[in-house]
Protein backbone atom coordinates (compact mmCIF):
# COMPACT_ATOMS: atom_id res chain seq x y z
CA MET A 1 -74.06 85.15 117.16
CA PHE A 2 -76.63 87.80 117.73
CA LYS A 3 -77.27 88.45 114.00
CA ASN A 4 -78.18 84.72 113.33
CA CYS A 5 -80.69 84.81 116.09
CA ASP A 6 -82.24 87.94 114.78
CA SER A 7 -82.75 86.14 111.20
CA LEU A 8 -84.37 83.13 112.94
CA ILE A 9 -86.70 85.24 114.90
CA ILE A 10 -87.92 87.24 111.73
CA SER A 11 -88.53 84.31 109.79
CA ILE A 12 -90.54 82.50 112.52
CA GLY A 13 -92.63 85.71 113.11
CA SER A 14 -93.45 86.04 109.30
CA ALA A 15 -94.65 82.27 109.21
CA VAL A 16 -96.89 82.98 112.28
CA PHE A 17 -98.41 86.05 110.82
CA LEU A 18 -99.16 84.25 107.44
CA LEU A 19 -100.83 81.37 109.07
CA LEU A 20 -102.87 83.73 111.20
CA ILE A 21 -104.08 85.83 108.06
CA SER A 22 -104.90 83.14 105.47
CA PRO A 23 -108.04 82.03 106.76
CA LEU A 24 -109.36 85.52 106.98
CA VAL A 25 -108.55 86.03 103.24
CA CYS A 26 -110.42 82.76 102.40
CA GLU A 27 -113.68 83.79 104.06
CA ALA A 28 -113.68 87.35 102.79
CA GLU A 29 -116.31 88.03 100.08
CA LEU A 30 -114.55 88.88 96.70
CA THR A 31 -116.31 91.62 94.67
CA VAL A 32 -116.29 90.69 91.00
CA LEU A 33 -117.25 93.34 88.26
CA PRO A 34 -119.84 92.21 85.72
CA ILE A 35 -118.75 91.39 82.14
CA GLU A 36 -120.29 94.38 80.54
CA SER A 37 -118.40 96.81 82.76
CA GLN A 38 -115.12 94.98 82.20
CA ASN A 39 -115.52 95.30 78.38
CA GLU A 40 -116.88 98.80 78.27
CA GLY A 41 -115.88 100.61 75.16
CA PHE A 42 -115.45 97.42 72.95
CA PHE A 43 -117.89 95.80 70.45
CA ILE A 44 -118.78 92.01 71.03
CA GLY A 45 -119.72 89.39 68.50
CA GLU A 46 -121.02 90.75 65.28
CA ASP A 47 -120.12 94.18 66.21
CA MET A 48 -116.38 93.54 66.39
CA PRO A 49 -114.33 95.94 64.22
CA ARG A 50 -113.88 94.73 60.64
CA TRP A 51 -112.30 96.59 57.79
CA ASP A 52 -115.35 95.91 55.49
CA ASN A 53 -117.84 97.12 58.31
CA PRO A 54 -118.82 100.79 57.54
CA ASN A 55 -119.38 101.34 61.24
CA CYS A 56 -115.94 100.48 62.41
CA GLY A 57 -114.11 103.52 61.31
CA PHE A 58 -111.49 101.70 59.30
CA GLN A 59 -111.15 101.85 55.42
CA LYS A 60 -109.36 99.76 52.77
CA GLY A 61 -105.83 100.47 52.71
CA HIS A 62 -105.60 101.67 56.40
CA PRO A 63 -101.98 101.07 57.82
CA SER A 64 -103.42 99.33 60.90
CA LEU A 65 -105.02 96.40 58.83
CA HIS A 66 -103.15 93.25 58.11
CA LYS A 67 -102.11 92.45 54.50
CA LYS A 68 -104.35 89.44 54.27
CA HIS A 69 -107.40 91.71 54.44
CA THR A 70 -106.07 93.98 51.54
CA PRO A 71 -105.32 91.48 48.55
CA LYS A 72 -103.53 93.40 45.76
CA LEU A 73 -104.86 93.20 42.31
CA CYS A 74 -103.27 93.80 38.71
CA LYS A 75 -102.84 97.44 37.93
CA ILE A 76 -104.16 96.89 34.36
CA GLU A 77 -107.70 97.95 33.96
CA GLY A 78 -110.53 95.12 33.56
CA CYS A 79 -108.00 92.44 35.21
CA ASN A 80 -109.07 91.09 38.54
CA ASN A 81 -106.11 88.71 38.87
CA LYS A 82 -103.98 88.58 41.96
CA TYR A 83 -100.85 90.67 42.08
CA LEU A 84 -97.46 88.76 41.40
CA ALA A 85 -94.83 91.27 40.69
CA LYS A 86 -94.31 94.93 39.45
CA GLY A 87 -97.96 95.51 39.88
CA LEU A 88 -98.99 92.68 37.47
CA CYS A 89 -100.68 89.38 37.57
CA ARG A 90 -98.98 86.19 36.26
CA LYS A 91 -100.64 86.37 32.73
CA HIS A 92 -99.77 90.10 32.15
CA TYR A 93 -96.12 89.76 33.60
CA ASP A 94 -95.38 86.59 31.32
CA LYS A 95 -96.50 88.92 28.38
CA GLN A 96 -94.23 91.77 29.14
CA TRP A 97 -91.32 89.33 29.97
CA GLU A 98 -91.91 87.89 26.42
CA GLU A 99 -92.04 91.24 24.66
CA LYS A 100 -88.74 92.16 26.22
CA ASN A 101 -86.93 88.91 25.45
CA LYS A 102 -88.59 88.24 21.99
CA LYS A 103 -85.21 88.09 19.98
CA ARG A 104 -83.45 86.05 22.56
CA ARG A 105 -86.29 83.50 22.61
CA THR A 106 -86.39 83.14 18.86
CA LYS A 107 -82.55 82.46 18.67
CA SER A 108 -82.95 79.78 21.49
CA LYS A 109 -86.02 78.22 19.76
CA LYS A 110 -84.15 78.00 16.33
CA LEU A 111 -81.04 76.38 18.14
CA TYR A 112 -83.43 73.75 20.00
CA ARG A 113 -85.17 72.87 16.67
CA GLN A 114 -81.79 72.40 14.83
CA GLU A 115 -80.41 70.10 17.53
CA HIS A 116 -83.61 68.20 18.12
CA ARG A 117 -85.21 68.12 14.66
CA GLU A 118 -86.50 64.88 14.55
CA GLU A 119 -88.20 65.00 17.83
CA ALA A 120 -89.78 68.45 17.02
CA LEU A 121 -91.36 66.93 13.80
CA GLU A 122 -92.64 63.86 15.55
CA TYR A 123 -94.21 66.09 18.30
CA HIS A 124 -95.83 68.41 15.78
CA LYS A 125 -97.36 65.55 13.86
CA GLN A 126 -98.71 63.89 16.97
CA TYR A 127 -100.19 67.30 17.95
CA ARG A 128 -101.88 67.82 14.65
CA ILE A 129 -103.43 64.37 14.85
CA ASP A 130 -104.63 64.73 18.42
CA ASN A 131 -106.12 68.27 17.85
CA LYS A 132 -107.25 68.09 14.36
CA GLU A 133 -110.85 69.03 14.88
CA ARG A 134 -109.91 71.87 17.33
CA ARG A 135 -107.33 73.41 14.85
CA ALA A 136 -109.95 73.27 12.00
CA GLU A 137 -112.44 75.09 13.99
CA TYR A 138 -109.85 77.66 15.07
CA ASN A 139 -108.76 78.18 11.62
CA LYS A 140 -112.22 78.83 10.31
CA GLN A 141 -113.03 81.27 12.95
CA HIS A 142 -109.82 83.08 12.44
CA ARG A 143 -110.53 83.28 8.80
CA LEU A 144 -113.90 84.69 9.38
CA ASP A 145 -112.74 87.25 11.82
CA ASN A 146 -109.94 88.45 9.40
CA LYS A 147 -111.63 87.97 6.18
CA GLU A 148 -110.50 91.29 4.52
CA HIS A 149 -106.89 90.57 5.64
CA TYR A 150 -106.92 87.07 3.96
CA THR A 151 -108.24 88.48 0.75
CA LYS A 152 -105.71 91.32 0.47
CA TYR A 153 -102.84 88.84 1.41
CA LYS A 154 -103.87 86.30 -1.31
CA LYS A 155 -104.21 88.98 -4.05
CA GLN A 156 -100.67 90.34 -3.21
CA TRP A 157 -99.25 86.99 -3.14
CA LEU A 158 -100.58 85.84 -6.56
CA ILE A 159 -99.40 89.13 -8.00
CA ASP A 160 -95.76 88.66 -6.53
CA ASN A 161 -95.62 84.80 -7.45
CA LYS A 162 -97.38 84.93 -10.91
CA LYS A 163 -95.01 82.57 -12.79
CA TYR A 164 -94.62 80.10 -9.95
CA CYS A 165 -98.57 79.75 -9.85
CA ARG A 166 -98.74 78.96 -13.48
CA LYS A 167 -96.06 76.29 -13.43
CA TYR A 168 -97.65 74.91 -10.02
CA PHE A 169 -101.17 74.84 -11.51
CA LYS A 170 -99.81 73.07 -14.84
CA GLN A 171 -97.87 70.40 -12.95
CA TYR A 172 -100.76 69.85 -10.47
CA TYR A 173 -103.19 69.31 -13.42
CA LEU A 174 -101.04 67.00 -15.02
CA ASP A 175 -100.34 64.95 -11.87
CA ASN A 176 -104.12 64.80 -11.04
CA LYS A 177 -105.89 64.73 -14.23
CA LYS A 178 -108.13 61.52 -13.63
CA HIS A 179 -109.21 62.89 -10.27
CA ILE A 180 -110.14 66.33 -11.75
CA THR A 181 -112.07 64.98 -14.59
CA ASN A 182 -113.95 62.55 -12.47
CA TYR A 183 -114.89 65.39 -10.13
CA GLN A 184 -116.07 67.47 -13.04
CA GLN A 185 -118.30 64.69 -14.29
CA GLU A 186 -119.90 63.97 -10.95
CA ASN A 187 -120.38 67.62 -9.94
CA LYS A 188 -121.31 68.96 -13.54
CA LYS A 189 -124.44 70.76 -12.47
CA HIS A 190 -122.89 72.42 -9.49
CA ILE A 191 -119.98 73.59 -11.45
CA SER A 192 -122.08 75.15 -14.28
CA GLU A 193 -124.31 76.91 -11.66
CA ARG A 194 -121.13 78.24 -9.96
CA MET A 195 -119.68 79.50 -13.20
CA LYS A 196 -123.06 81.33 -14.19
CA LYS A 197 -122.99 82.92 -10.77
CA TYR A 198 -119.42 83.93 -11.11
CA LEU A 199 -119.92 85.42 -14.67
CA LYS A 200 -122.56 87.72 -13.34
CA THR A 201 -120.13 89.23 -10.84
CA PRO A 202 -118.07 92.33 -11.70
CA ALA A 203 -114.87 90.13 -11.84
CA GLY A 204 -116.54 87.63 -14.07
CA LYS A 205 -117.66 90.20 -16.48
CA ILE A 206 -114.37 91.67 -16.99
CA ILE A 207 -112.85 88.12 -17.62
CA LYS A 208 -115.53 87.50 -20.05
CA LYS A 209 -114.85 90.56 -21.90
CA THR A 210 -111.12 89.99 -22.00
CA CYS A 211 -111.56 86.32 -23.39
CA ASP A 212 -113.86 87.66 -26.10
CA HIS A 213 -111.43 90.46 -26.90
CA ARG A 214 -108.45 87.90 -27.06
CA ARG A 215 -110.80 85.67 -29.55
CA ARG A 216 -111.46 88.30 -31.92
CA ASP A 217 -107.91 89.32 -32.01
CA LEU A 218 -106.83 85.57 -32.90
CA LEU A 219 -109.78 85.32 -35.27
CA LYS A 220 -109.24 88.59 -37.03
CA ASP A 221 -108.37 86.87 -40.59
CA LEU A 222 -111.55 84.67 -40.40
CA LYS A 223 -114.20 85.63 -43.05
CA THR A 224 -117.89 84.49 -43.49
CA ALA A 225 -117.07 83.08 -46.91
CA ILE A 226 -114.47 80.77 -45.63
CA ILE A 227 -116.92 79.46 -42.77
CA GLN A 228 -119.64 78.98 -45.39
CA GLN A 229 -117.41 77.13 -47.58
CA VAL A 230 -116.11 74.68 -44.89
CA TYR A 231 -119.80 73.80 -43.81
CA GLU A 232 -120.66 73.19 -47.47
CA ASP A 233 -117.73 70.90 -48.09
CA ASN A 234 -118.37 69.00 -45.07
CA ILE A 235 -121.96 68.28 -46.09
CA LYS A 236 -120.73 67.19 -49.63
CA LYS A 237 -118.14 64.88 -48.09
CA TYR A 238 -120.45 62.96 -45.40
CA GLY A 239 -123.69 63.75 -46.94
CA VAL A 240 -124.89 65.15 -43.46
CA LEU A 241 -123.20 67.76 -41.24
CA THR A 242 -120.86 65.54 -39.23
CA CYS A 243 -118.04 66.03 -36.66
CA TYR A 244 -114.59 65.38 -38.31
CA LEU A 245 -113.22 64.43 -35.00
CA CYS A 246 -115.69 61.53 -33.84
CA PHE A 247 -117.30 61.09 -37.34
CA LYS A 248 -120.84 61.37 -35.80
CA PRO A 249 -123.63 63.36 -37.10
CA ILE A 250 -124.28 66.72 -35.63
CA THR A 251 -127.89 67.58 -34.31
CA ASP A 252 -129.73 70.17 -32.45
CA ASN A 253 -127.25 72.97 -33.34
CA ASP A 254 -124.39 71.31 -31.52
CA ASP A 255 -121.90 72.44 -34.13
CA SER A 256 -118.79 74.59 -33.78
CA LEU A 257 -115.87 75.71 -35.86
CA GLU A 258 -112.68 74.07 -34.97
CA HIS A 259 -108.99 74.75 -35.76
CA SER A 260 -107.02 71.41 -36.51
CA ILE A 261 -103.83 73.33 -35.29
CA PRO A 262 -105.02 75.70 -32.52
CA VAL A 263 -104.60 79.46 -32.71
CA THR A 264 -102.78 79.50 -29.48
CA ARG A 265 -100.14 77.25 -31.18
CA GLU A 266 -99.68 79.51 -34.07
CA GLY A 267 -102.47 78.07 -36.27
CA SER A 268 -104.02 80.13 -38.97
CA SER A 269 -107.57 80.75 -39.99
CA LYS A 270 -107.24 79.67 -43.47
CA TYR A 271 -109.56 77.09 -45.12
CA GLU A 272 -107.11 74.24 -44.73
CA ASN A 273 -106.80 74.53 -40.97
CA LEU A 274 -110.65 74.52 -40.30
CA GLY A 275 -113.26 72.06 -39.71
CA VAL A 276 -116.64 71.28 -38.12
CA ALA A 277 -116.91 69.61 -34.83
CA HIS A 278 -119.22 68.85 -31.83
CA LYS A 279 -119.00 71.49 -28.96
CA ARG A 280 -118.10 68.61 -26.58
CA CYS A 281 -115.24 67.38 -28.82
CA ASN A 282 -114.04 70.89 -29.41
CA SER A 283 -113.60 71.37 -25.79
CA GLN A 284 -112.09 68.16 -25.25
CA LYS A 285 -109.59 68.65 -27.88
CA HIS A 286 -108.55 71.90 -26.26
CA THR A 287 -105.01 72.85 -27.30
CA MET A 288 -104.16 69.49 -29.14
CA THR A 289 -103.59 69.14 -32.88
CA LYS A 290 -105.67 66.92 -34.87
CA GLU A 291 -103.10 64.18 -35.09
CA GLU A 292 -102.40 64.33 -31.32
CA TRP A 293 -106.42 63.94 -30.93
CA PHE A 294 -106.64 60.86 -33.18
CA VAL A 295 -103.53 59.26 -31.31
CA LYS A 296 -105.28 59.79 -27.88
CA GLN A 297 -108.28 58.32 -29.17
CA GLY A 298 -106.50 55.38 -30.50
CA VAL A 299 -107.33 55.98 -34.23
CA LEU A 300 -104.29 56.10 -36.54
CA GLY A 301 -103.56 56.80 -40.27
CA ILE A 302 -106.16 59.67 -40.78
């Protein structure tokens, strides 16, 4: 009973004490420190500590700085791209991965092309059509930058594939004979100028010497007496020096000695196998026999 009374008395006393003191607290003047004194020892505004401020005392790579303030870069010199993994950026990381997995990637590509052959061919065709100009410019620039490499590769390839080249060029000439002749007639001056320039070069001079040497070997048995007899008989037969291939008179020193069966086809340099012809007719006849020439011209029984 007494205990309960004591607790009631204490609670009532504390409430009365609070009621008496509260107005005194409200009326009292509160002393507030100025802002400068509160923040004494700290920088404010523009002088706040930053890692790029030389006055702050911090430097790049300081452990107290956050990761956002110190972005990592690629460890390769001259590359300023962002760090991805293993100290490399995306570009150099992909290159390193491709070099390590080169064999595996080639195998997977071959298998994919075998399984999706038609799709791959269609894709490549469409890509070439869409990027024709860009590919042409790239190829030109690549050839200019690697000119020495291309010349060496072409020379070596021609030496290794000599027989194949001869067969290919012969077949190409037979298949595109009309196109080649038309081109030669349309660009006659350009071809002659180009040949003259080429014959002045060291390679052209060597080819010219070899051709002259071969011609001398083939015409070894030819004598001046036989040539003179051929010309005299031609004038006696036609009255004037005439071409025995087109039967037109020869003027302005446009004559040449011609073999009815070419020397390259085991023709001899005897009187019976010789005749006088225009230079143009001689070059057009090329390696044909006299009979084959007349068949081509539509003249029979001569």
